[in-house]
PDB file of all heavy atoms in Angstrom:
ATOM      1  N   SER A   1       6.293  20.760  58.035  1.00  0.00           N
ATOM      2  CA  SER A   1       4.892  20.402  57.801  1.00  0.00           C
ATOM      3  C   SER A   1       4.456  19.181  58.610  1.00  0.00           C
ATOM      4  O   SER A   1       3.275  18.849  58.635  1.00  0.00           O
ATOM      5  CB  SER A   1       4.652  20.151  56.316  1.00  0.00           C
ATOM      6  OG  SER A   1       5.322  18.972  55.908  1.00  0.00           O
ATOM      7  N   GLY A   2       5.409  18.492  59.219  1.00  0.00           N
ATOM      8  CA  GLY A   2       5.065  17.298  59.998  1.00  0.00           C
ATOM      9  C   GLY A   2       5.067  16.016  59.185  1.00  0.00           C
ATOM     10  O   GLY A   2       4.753  14.952  59.701  1.00  0.00           O
ATOM     11  N   ARG A   3       5.416  16.086  57.895  1.00  0.00           N
ATOM     12  CA  ARG A   3       5.478  14.882  57.065  1.00  0.00           C
ATOM     13  C   ARG A   3       6.710  14.038  57.374  1.00  0.00           C
ATOM     14  O   ARG A   3       6.774  12.877  57.010  1.00  0.00           O
ATOM     15  CB  ARG A   3       5.478  15.249  55.578  1.00  0.00           C
ATOM     16  CG  ARG A   3       4.159  15.829  55.088  1.00  0.00           C
ATOM     17  CD  ARG A   3       4.218  16.214  53.621  1.00  0.00           C
ATOM     18  NE  ARG A   3       5.026  17.429  53.506  1.00  0.00           N
ATOM     19  CZ  ARG A   3       6.002  17.600  52.625  1.00  0.00           C
ATOM     20  NH1 ARG A   3       6.304  16.672  51.766  1.00  0.00           N
ATOM     21  NH2 ARG A   3       6.685  18.733  52.589  1.00  0.00           N
ATOM     22  N   LEU A   4       7.678  14.644  58.050  1.00  0.00           N
ATOM     23  CA  LEU A   4       8.910  13.950  58.415  1.00  0.00           C
ATOM     24  C   LEU A   4       9.218  14.262  59.870  1.00  0.00           C
ATOM     25  O   LEU A   4       9.036  15.380  60.318  1.00  0.00           O
ATOM     26  CB  LEU A   4      10.061  14.437  57.512  1.00  0.00           C
ATOM     27  CG  LEU A   4      11.436  13.808  57.687  1.00  0.00           C
ATOM     28  CD1 LEU A   4      11.396  12.338  57.290  1.00  0.00           C
ATOM     29  CD2 LEU A   4      12.453  14.539  56.830  1.00  0.00           C
ATOM     30  N   ARG A   5       9.650  13.276  60.599  1.00  0.00           N
ATOM     31  CA  ARG A   5       9.985  13.474  62.010  1.00  0.00           C
ATOM     32  C   ARG A   5      11.446  13.101  62.229  1.00  0.00           C
ATOM     33  O   ARG A   5      11.973  12.182  61.613  1.00  0.00           O
ATOM     34  CB  ARG A   5       9.107  12.604  62.889  1.00  0.00           C
ATOM     35  CG  ARG A   5       7.642  12.918  62.754  1.00  0.00           C
ATOM     36  CD  ARG A   5       6.926  12.643  64.058  1.00  0.00           C
ATOM     37  NE  ARG A   5       5.513  12.883  63.931  1.00  0.00           N
ATOM     38  CZ  ARG A   5       4.938  14.061  64.110  1.00  0.00           C
ATOM     39  NH1 ARG A   5       5.656  15.095  64.397  1.00  0.00           N
ATOM     40  NH2 ARG A   5       3.643  14.196  63.991  1.00  0.00           N
ATOM     41  N   LEU A   6      12.080  13.845  63.149  1.00  0.00           N
ATOM     42  CA  LEU A   6      13.464  13.542  63.503  1.00  0.00           C
ATOM     43  C   LEU A   6      13.509  12.326  64.415  1.00  0.00           C
ATOM     44  O   LEU A   6      12.660  12.164  65.287  1.00  0.00           O
ATOM     45  CB  LEU A   6      14.104  14.729  64.218  1.00  0.00           C
ATOM     46  CG  LEU A   6      14.425  15.936  63.367  1.00  0.00           C
ATOM     47  CD1 LEU A   6      15.000  17.052  64.236  1.00  0.00           C
ATOM     48  CD2 LEU A   6      15.407  15.589  62.274  1.00  0.00           C
ATOM     49  N   ASN A   7      14.509  11.519  64.224  1.00  0.00           N
ATOM     50  CA  ASN A   7      14.734  10.369  65.075  1.00  0.00           C
ATOM     51  C   ASN A   7      15.731  10.799  66.154  1.00  0.00           C
ATOM     52  O   ASN A   7      16.859  11.163  65.845  1.00  0.00           O
ATOM     53  CB  ASN A   7      15.286   9.207  64.247  1.00  0.00           C
ATOM     54  CG  ASN A   7      15.452   7.949  65.050  1.00  0.00           C
ATOM     55  OD1 ASN A   7      15.335   7.950  66.268  1.00  0.00           O
ATOM     56  ND2 ASN A   7      15.720   6.859  64.357  1.00  0.00           N
ATOM     57  N   SER A   8      15.319  10.766  67.409  1.00  0.00           N
ATOM     58  CA  SER A   8      16.197  11.250  68.482  1.00  0.00           C
ATOM     59  C   SER A   8      17.199  10.204  68.959  1.00  0.00           C
ATOM     60  O   SER A   8      18.117  10.519  69.709  1.00  0.00           O
ATOM     61  CB  SER A   8      15.349  11.727  69.667  1.00  0.00           C
ATOM     62  OG  SER A   8      14.571  10.664  70.158  1.00  0.00           O
ATOM     63  N   SER A   9      17.055   8.968  68.532  1.00  0.00           N
ATOM     64  CA  SER A   9      18.024   7.956  68.955  1.00  0.00           C
ATOM     65  C   SER A   9      19.303   8.082  68.126  1.00  0.00           C
ATOM     66  O   SER A   9      19.272   8.524  66.978  1.00  0.00           O
ATOM     67  CB  SER A   9      17.428   6.553  68.815  1.00  0.00           C
ATOM     68  OG  SER A   9      17.127   6.280  67.468  1.00  0.00           O
ATOM     69  N   PRO A  10      20.434   7.692  68.692  1.00  0.00           N
ATOM     70  CA  PRO A  10      21.707   7.817  67.974  1.00  0.00           C
ATOM     71  C   PRO A  10      21.707   6.984  66.695  1.00  0.00           C
ATOM     72  O   PRO A  10      21.122   5.903  66.646  1.00  0.00           O
ATOM     73  CB  PRO A  10      22.746   7.281  68.951  1.00  0.00           C
ATOM     74  CG  PRO A  10      22.073   7.145  70.258  1.00  0.00           C
ATOM     75  CD  PRO A  10      20.598   7.121  70.016  1.00  0.00           C
ATOM     76  N   GLN A  11      22.360   7.513  65.687  1.00  0.00           N
ATOM     77  CA  GLN A  11      22.505   6.810  64.413  1.00  0.00           C
ATOM     78  C   GLN A  11      23.976   6.456  64.236  1.00  0.00           C
ATOM     79  O   GLN A  11      24.851   7.270  64.518  1.00  0.00           O
ATOM     80  CB  GLN A  11      22.040   7.694  63.255  1.00  0.00           C
ATOM     81  CG  GLN A  11      20.592   8.130  63.368  1.00  0.00           C
ATOM     82  CD  GLN A  11      19.640   6.970  63.251  1.00  0.00           C
ATOM     83  OE1 GLN A  11      19.676   6.220  62.283  1.00  0.00           O
ATOM     84  NE2 GLN A  11      18.804   6.789  64.257  1.00  0.00           N
ATOM     85  N   PHE A  12      24.232   5.254  63.778  1.00  0.00           N
ATOM     86  CA  PHE A  12      25.600   4.803  63.601  1.00  0.00           C
ATOM     87  C   PHE A  12      25.846   4.480  62.134  1.00  0.00           C
ATOM     88  O   PHE A  12      25.043   3.800  61.503  1.00  0.00           O
ATOM     89  CB  PHE A  12      25.875   3.562  64.459  1.00  0.00           C
ATOM     90  CG  PHE A  12      25.712   3.822  65.928  1.00  0.00           C
ATOM     91  CD1 PHE A  12      24.531   3.501  66.576  1.00  0.00           C
ATOM     92  CD2 PHE A  12      26.739   4.410  66.658  1.00  0.00           C
ATOM     93  CE1 PHE A  12      24.372   3.758  67.932  1.00  0.00           C
ATOM     94  CE2 PHE A  12      26.590   4.666  68.005  1.00  0.00           C
ATOM     95  CZ  PHE A  12      25.400   4.343  68.643  1.00  0.00           C
ATOM     96  N   LEU A  13      26.949   4.991  61.611  1.00  0.00           N
ATOM     97  CA  LEU A  13      27.340   4.724  60.238  1.00  0.00           C
ATOM     98  C   LEU A  13      28.245   3.498  60.259  1.00  0.00           C
ATOM     99  O   LEU A  13      29.321   3.515  60.852  1.00  0.00           O
ATOM    100  CB  LEU A  13      28.090   5.942  59.679  1.00  0.00           C
ATOM    101  CG  LEU A  13      28.553   5.868  58.242  1.00  0.00           C
ATOM    102  CD1 LEU A  13      27.359   5.754  57.295  1.00  0.00           C
ATOM    103  CD2 LEU A  13      29.367   7.108  57.912  1.00  0.00           C
ATOM    104  N   HIS A  14      27.783   2.417  59.642  1.00  0.00           N
ATOM    105  CA  HIS A  14      28.549   1.169  59.653  1.00  0.00           C
ATOM    106  C   HIS A  14      29.375   0.989  58.382  1.00  0.00           C
ATOM    107  O   HIS A  14      30.457   0.409  58.417  1.00  0.00           O
ATOM    108  CB  HIS A  14      27.622  -0.025  59.843  1.00  0.00           C
ATOM    109  CG  HIS A  14      26.943  -0.030  61.169  1.00  0.00           C
ATOM    110  ND1 HIS A  14      27.587  -0.352  62.339  1.00  0.00           N
ATOM    111  CD2 HIS A  14      25.678   0.301  61.522  1.00  0.00           C
ATOM    112  CE1 HIS A  14      26.746  -0.254  63.360  1.00  0.00           C
ATOM    113  NE2 HIS A  14      25.577   0.149  62.887  1.00  0.00           N
ATOM    114  N   HIS A  15      28.866   1.426  57.251  1.00  0.00           N
ATOM    115  CA  HIS A  15      29.625   1.338  56.017  1.00  0.00           C
ATOM    116  C   HIS A  15      29.070   2.327  54.993  1.00  0.00           C
ATOM    117  O   HIS A  15      27.960   2.818  55.136  1.00  0.00           O
ATOM    118  CB  HIS A  15      29.630  -0.092  55.456  1.00  0.00           C
ATOM    119  CG  HIS A  15      28.261  -0.621  55.134  1.00  0.00           C
ATOM    120  ND1 HIS A  15      27.466  -1.242  56.060  1.00  0.00           N
ATOM    121  CD2 HIS A  15      27.548  -0.596  53.984  1.00  0.00           C
ATOM    122  CE1 HIS A  15      26.321  -1.588  55.499  1.00  0.00           C
ATOM    123  NE2 HIS A  15      26.336  -1.199  54.247  1.00  0.00           N
ATOM    124  N   VAL A  16      29.876   2.602  53.992  1.00  0.00           N
ATOM    125  CA  VAL A  16      29.503   3.496  52.903  1.00  0.00           C
ATOM    126  C   VAL A  16      29.747   2.748  51.602  1.00  0.00           C
ATOM    127  O   VAL A  16      30.814   2.173  51.397  1.00  0.00           O
ATOM    128  CB  VAL A  16      30.356   4.792  52.925  1.00  0.00           C
ATOM    129  CG1 VAL A  16      30.038   5.663  51.725  1.00  0.00           C
ATOM    130  CG2 VAL A  16      30.141   5.549  54.218  1.00  0.00           C
ATOM    131  N   LEU A  17      28.748   2.737  50.737  1.00  0.00           N
ATOM    132  CA  LEU A  17      28.872   2.082  49.443  1.00  0.00           C
ATOM    133  C   LEU A  17      28.974   3.145  48.356  1.00  0.00           C
ATOM    134  O   LEU A  17      28.160   4.064  48.314  1.00  0.00           O
ATOM    135  CB  LEU A  17      27.660   1.191  49.161  1.00  0.00           C
ATOM    136  CG  LEU A  17      27.410   0.046  50.147  1.00  0.00           C
ATOM    137  CD1 LEU A  17      26.116  -0.673  49.804  1.00  0.00           C
ATOM    138  CD2 LEU A  17      28.572  -0.927  50.111  1.00  0.00           C
ATOM    139  N   LEU A  18      29.973   3.013  47.504  1.00  0.00           N
ATOM    140  CA  LEU A  18      30.128   3.910  46.366  1.00  0.00           C
ATOM    141  C   LEU A  18      29.845   3.126  45.096  1.00  0.00           C
ATOM    142  O   LEU A  18      30.216   1.951  44.997  1.00  0.00           O
ATOM    143  CB  LEU A  18      31.547   4.469  46.304  1.00  0.00           C
ATOM    144  CG  LEU A  18      31.973   5.407  47.419  1.00  0.00           C
ATOM    145  CD1 LEU A  18      33.449   5.760  47.274  1.00  0.00           C
ATOM    146  CD2 LEU A  18      31.136   6.662  47.400  1.00  0.00           C
ATOM    147  N   PRO A  19      29.201   3.763  44.123  1.00  0.00           N
ATOM    148  CA  PRO A  19      29.000   3.056  42.846  1.00  0.00           C
ATOM    149  C   PRO A  19      30.345   2.827  42.177  1.00  0.00           C
ATOM    150  O   PRO A  19      31.335   3.503  42.501  1.00  0.00           O
ATOM    151  CB  PRO A  19      28.146   4.038  42.039  1.00  0.00           C
ATOM    152  CG  PRO A  19      28.394   5.367  42.644  1.00  0.00           C
ATOM    153  CD  PRO A  19      28.705   5.123  44.096  1.00  0.00           C
ATOM    154  N   PRO A  20      30.413   1.876  41.254  1.00  0.00           N
ATOM    155  CA  PRO A  20      31.698   1.652  40.559  1.00  0.00           C
ATOM    156  C   PRO A  20      32.174   2.932  39.884  1.00  0.00           C
ATOM    157  O   PRO A  20      31.392   3.660  39.268  1.00  0.00           O
ATOM    158  CB  PRO A  20      31.358   0.587  39.518  1.00  0.00           C
ATOM    159  CG  PRO A  20      30.108  -0.055  40.020  1.00  0.00           C
ATOM    160  CD  PRO A  20      29.370   0.980  40.804  1.00  0.00           C
ATOM    161  N   LEU A  21      33.451   3.219  40.056  1.00  0.00           N
ATOM    162  CA  LEU A  21      34.032   4.425  39.484  1.00  0.00           C
ATOM    163  C   LEU A  21      34.869   4.060  38.268  1.00  0.00           C
ATOM    164  O   LEU A  21      35.460   2.981  38.221  1.00  0.00           O
ATOM    165  CB  LEU A  21      34.912   5.134  40.520  1.00  0.00           C
ATOM    166  CG  LEU A  21      34.196   5.608  41.772  1.00  0.00           C
ATOM    167  CD1 LEU A  21      35.199   6.081  42.809  1.00  0.00           C
ATOM    168  CD2 LEU A  21      33.216   6.709  41.437  1.00  0.00           C
ATOM    169  N   PRO A  22      34.920   4.961  37.285  1.00  0.00           N
ATOM    170  CA  PRO A  22      35.769   4.676  36.118  1.00  0.00           C
ATOM    171  C   PRO A  22      37.227   4.537  36.528  1.00  0.00           C
ATOM    172  O   PRO A  22      37.676   5.182  37.469  1.00  0.00           O
ATOM    173  CB  PRO A  22      35.593   5.911  35.224  1.00  0.00           C
ATOM    174  CG  PRO A  22      34.497   6.723  35.821  1.00  0.00           C
ATOM    175  CD  PRO A  22      34.257   6.242  37.214  1.00  0.00           C
ATOM    176  N   ALA A  23      37.937   3.686  35.848  1.00  0.00           N
ATOM    177  CA  ALA A  23      39.360   3.492  36.142  1.00  0.00           C
ATOM    178  C   ALA A  23      40.161   4.552  35.408  1.00  0.00           C
ATOM    179  O   ALA A  23      40.243   4.552  34.184  1.00  0.00           O
ATOM    180  CB  ALA A  23      39.797   2.094  35.706  1.00  0.00           C
ATOM    181  N   TYR A  24      40.716   5.484  36.162  1.00  0.00           N
ATOM    182  CA  TYR A  24      41.569   6.521  35.600  1.00  0.00           C
ATOM    183  C   TYR A  24      43.006   6.209  35.967  1.00  0.00           C
ATOM    184  O   TYR A  24      43.292   5.627  37.012  1.00  0.00           O
ATOM    185  CB  TYR A  24      41.200   7.895  36.160  1.00  0.00           C
ATOM    186  CG  TYR A  24      39.856   8.393  35.724  1.00  0.00           C
ATOM    187  CD1 TYR A  24      38.782   8.411  36.597  1.00  0.00           C
ATOM    188  CD2 TYR A  24      39.659   8.877  34.437  1.00  0.00           C
ATOM    189  CE1 TYR A  24      37.547   8.881  36.192  1.00  0.00           C
ATOM    190  CE2 TYR A  24      38.432   9.357  34.026  1.00  0.00           C
ATOM    191  CZ  TYR A  24      37.380   9.356  34.897  1.00  0.00           C
ATOM    192  OH  TYR A  24      36.164   9.816  34.507  1.00  0.00           O
ATOM    193  N   ASP A  25      43.891   6.625  35.131  1.00  0.00           N
ATOM    194  CA  ASP A  25      45.307   6.402  35.392  1.00  0.00           C
ATOM    195  C   ASP A  25      45.823   7.437  36.383  1.00  0.00           C
ATOM    196  O   ASP A  25      45.606   8.629  36.211  1.00  0.00           O
ATOM    197  CB  ASP A  25      46.120   6.496  34.095  1.00  0.00           C
ATOM    198  CG  ASP A  25      45.787   5.368  33.144  1.00  0.00           C
ATOM    199  OD1 ASP A  25      45.466   4.266  33.644  1.00  0.00           O
ATOM    200  OD2 ASP A  25      45.827   5.586  31.916  1.00  0.00           O
ATOM    201  N   PRO A  26      46.529   6.998  37.445  1.00  0.00           N
ATOM    202  CA  PRO A  26      47.158   7.957  38.345  1.00  0.00           C
ATOM    203  C   PRO A  26      48.223   8.725  37.587  1.00  0.00           C
ATOM    204  O   PRO A  26      48.682   8.245  36.575  1.00  0.00           O
ATOM    205  CB  PRO A  26      47.758   7.102  39.447  1.00  0.00           C
ATOM    206  CG  PRO A  26      47.199   5.741  39.268  1.00  0.00           C
ATOM    207  CD  PRO A  26      46.691   5.638  37.871  1.00  0.00           C
ATOM    208  N   PRO A  27      48.693   9.844  37.989  1.00  0.00           N
ATOM    209  CA  PRO A  27      48.414  10.536  39.233  1.00  0.00           C
ATOM    210  C   PRO A  27      47.226  11.495  39.140  1.00  0.00           C
ATOM    211  O   PRO A  27      46.764  11.998  40.144  1.00  0.00           O
ATOM    212  CB  PRO A  27      49.701  11.324  39.496  1.00  0.00           C
ATOM    213  CG  PRO A  27      50.191  11.664  38.125  1.00  0.00           C
ATOM    214  CD  PRO A  27      49.786  10.500  37.250  1.00  0.00           C
ATOM    215  N   ASP A  28      46.728  11.775  37.937  1.00  0.00           N
ATOM    216  CA  ASP A  28      45.661  12.771  37.797  1.00  0.00           C
ATOM    217  C   ASP A  28      44.272  12.158  37.768  1.00  0.00           C
ATOM    218  O   ASP A  28      43.303  12.867  37.528  1.00  0.00           O
ATOM    219  CB  ASP A  28      45.877  13.589  36.512  1.00  0.00           C
ATOM    220  CG  ASP A  28      47.193  14.325  36.516  1.00  0.00           C
ATOM    221  OD1 ASP A  28      47.634  14.714  37.611  1.00  0.00           O
ATOM    222  OD2 ASP A  28      47.772  14.508  35.428  1.00  0.00           O
ATOM    223  N   GLY A  29      44.159  10.880  37.999  1.00  0.00           N
ATOM    224  CA  GLY A  29      42.873  10.206  37.855  1.00  0.00           C
ATOM    225  C   GLY A  29      41.918  10.433  39.014  1.00  0.00           C
ATOM    226  O   GLY A  29      42.165  11.227  39.917  1.00  0.00           O
ATOM    227  N   CYS A  30      40.847   9.710  38.982  1.00  0.00           N
ATOM    228  CA  CYS A  30      39.818   9.793  40.015  1.00  0.00           C
ATOM    229  C   CYS A  30      40.349   9.174  41.309  1.00  0.00           C
ATOM    230  O   CYS A  30      40.763   8.017  41.330  1.00  0.00           O
ATOM    231  CB  CYS A  30      38.573   9.041  39.523  1.00  0.00           C
ATOM    232  SG  CYS A  30      37.198   9.106  40.646  1.00  0.00           S
ATOM    233  N   ARG A  31      40.376   9.964  42.381  1.00  0.00           N
ATOM    234  CA  ARG A  31      40.928   9.500  43.653  1.00  0.00           C
ATOM    235  C   ARG A  31      39.966   9.857  44.783  1.00  0.00           C
ATOM    236  O   ARG A  31      40.189  10.804  45.523  1.00  0.00           O
ATOM    237  CB  ARG A  31      42.283  10.134  43.880  1.00  0.00           C
ATOM    238  CG  ARG A  31      43.297   9.781  42.775  1.00  0.00           C
ATOM    239  CD  ARG A  31      44.538  10.580  42.888  1.00  0.00           C
ATOM    240  NE  ARG A  31      45.029  10.564  44.246  1.00  0.00           N
ATOM    241  CZ  ARG A  31      46.266  10.329  44.614  1.00  0.00           C
ATOM    242  NH1 ARG A  31      47.160  10.121  43.710  1.00  0.00           N
ATOM    243  NH2 ARG A  31      46.622  10.342  45.870  1.00  0.00           N
ATOM    244  N   PRO A  32      38.855   9.127  44.919  1.00  0.00           N
ATOM    245  CA  PRO A  32      37.852   9.480  45.934  1.00  0.00           C
ATOM    246  C   PRO A  32      38.346   9.233  47.355  1.00  0.00           C
ATOM    247  O   PRO A  32      39.224   8.410  47.595  1.00  0.00           O
ATOM    248  CB  PRO A  32      36.682   8.551  45.614  1.00  0.00           C
ATOM    249  CG  PRO A  32      37.307   7.383  44.948  1.00  0.00           C
ATOM    250  CD  PRO A  32      38.500   7.921  44.203  1.00  0.00           C
TER     251      PRO A  32
END
């Protein structure tokens, strides 16, 4: 519809933030 335009310049991923995850006990716990 033209409400969004693509950015043709390169995009760089510098970091990824994850929300706090529950503390599960290994070995079957949460392992992102």
